[in-house]
Protein backbone atom coordinates (compact mmCIF):
# COMPACT_ATOMS: atom_id res chain seq x y z
CA MET A 1 0.00 0.00 0.00
CA LEU A 2 1.30 3.42 -0.94
CA VAL A 3 0.82 5.95 1.88
CA LEU A 4 0.94 9.66 1.07
CA THR A 5 0.58 12.79 3.18
CA ARG A 6 -1.56 15.59 1.73
CA LYS A 7 -2.98 18.82 3.10
CA THR A 8 -6.25 20.59 2.35
CA ASN A 9 -6.42 21.74 -1.29
CA GLN A 10 -3.73 19.27 -2.36
CA SER A 11 -4.35 16.25 -4.56
CA ILE A 12 -2.91 13.07 -5.99
CA MET A 13 -3.22 11.65 -9.49
CA ILE A 14 -4.02 8.02 -10.27
CA GLY A 15 -2.95 7.33 -13.81
CA ASP A 16 -3.73 10.06 -16.32
CA GLY A 17 -7.42 10.51 -15.58
CA ILE A 18 -8.22 10.24 -11.87
CA GLU A 19 -7.56 13.07 -9.42
CA VAL A 20 -8.23 12.69 -5.70
CA SER A 21 -8.36 16.04 -3.86
CA ILE A 22 -8.39 16.73 -0.13
CA LEU A 23 -11.25 19.21 0.36
CA SER A 24 -11.23 19.54 4.14
CA VAL A 25 -10.02 17.92 7.34
CA SER A 26 -12.10 18.24 10.51
CA GLY A 27 -11.14 16.14 13.52
CA ASP A 28 -11.04 12.53 12.40
CA LYS A 29 -12.99 13.17 9.17
CA VAL A 30 -11.40 13.87 5.81
CA ARG A 31 -13.56 15.13 2.95
CA ILE A 32 -12.25 14.15 -0.47
CA GLY A 33 -13.25 14.93 -4.03
CA ILE A 34 -12.71 12.48 -6.86
CA ASP A 35 -12.52 13.62 -10.47
CA ALA A 36 -12.67 10.57 -12.73
CA PRO A 37 -13.97 9.69 -16.19
CA ARG A 38 -17.65 8.71 -16.23
CA ASP A 39 -16.78 5.14 -17.20
CA ILE A 40 -14.90 4.64 -13.91
CA ALA A 41 -17.19 3.50 -11.08
CA VAL A 42 -16.52 5.22 -7.74
CA PHE A 43 -18.01 3.81 -4.53
CA ARG A 44 -17.40 4.04 -0.80
CA LYS A 45 -15.93 0.67 0.22
CA GLU A 46 -18.88 -0.34 2.41
CA VAL A 47 -21.30 0.32 -0.46
CA TYR A 48 -19.08 -1.58 -2.90
CA GLU A 49 -18.91 -4.60 -0.60
CA ALA A 50 -22.67 -4.54 0.09
CA ARG A 51 -23.52 -4.75 -3.60
CA ASP A 52 -24.48 -8.12 -5.09
CA GLY A 53 -21.28 -10.12 -5.27
CA GLY A 54 -19.18 -7.20 -4.08
CA GLY A 55 -17.55 -6.89 -7.48
CA PRO A 56 -17.68 -4.63 -10.50
CA ALA A 57 -21.03 -3.79 -12.06
CA THR A 58 -22.16 -6.63 -14.31
CA ASP A 59 -24.88 -4.91 -16.31
CA GLY A 60 -22.43 -2.92 -18.44
CA ALA A 61 -23.82 0.41 -17.27
CA ALA A 62 -21.35 2.92 -15.90
CA PRO A 63 -22.64 4.24 -12.58
CA SER A 64 -22.32 7.92 -11.86
CA ALA A 65 -19.87 9.23 -9.26
CA ALA A 66 -22.88 9.63 -6.96
CA ALA A 67 -24.00 6.01 -7.33
CA ASP A 68 -23.70 5.49 -3.59
CA GLY A 69 -25.87 8.52 -2.79
CA SER A 70 -23.06 10.43 -1.10
CA ALA A 71 -22.58 13.28 -3.58
CA GLY A 72 -22.91 16.59 -1.84
CA SER A 73 -23.25 15.08 1.62
CA ALA A 74 -21.32 16.51 4.55
CA ASP A 75 -20.03 13.09 5.69
């Protein structure tokens, strides 16, 4: 596992098309933003594991970045 240290308003790149930004840090909570192509599924781990089979989507549809219902939430 690669471990990096970032501060608010800093980011990391994954490949050429995925940017993970640190939006805020408050106590033990870190708010992140993920900018990825629409064909890349993005889920919170607990949502990903709770899905049928816990694996990638099998219907061929690309879920939106808000597929787990967390877009715009404070947590």
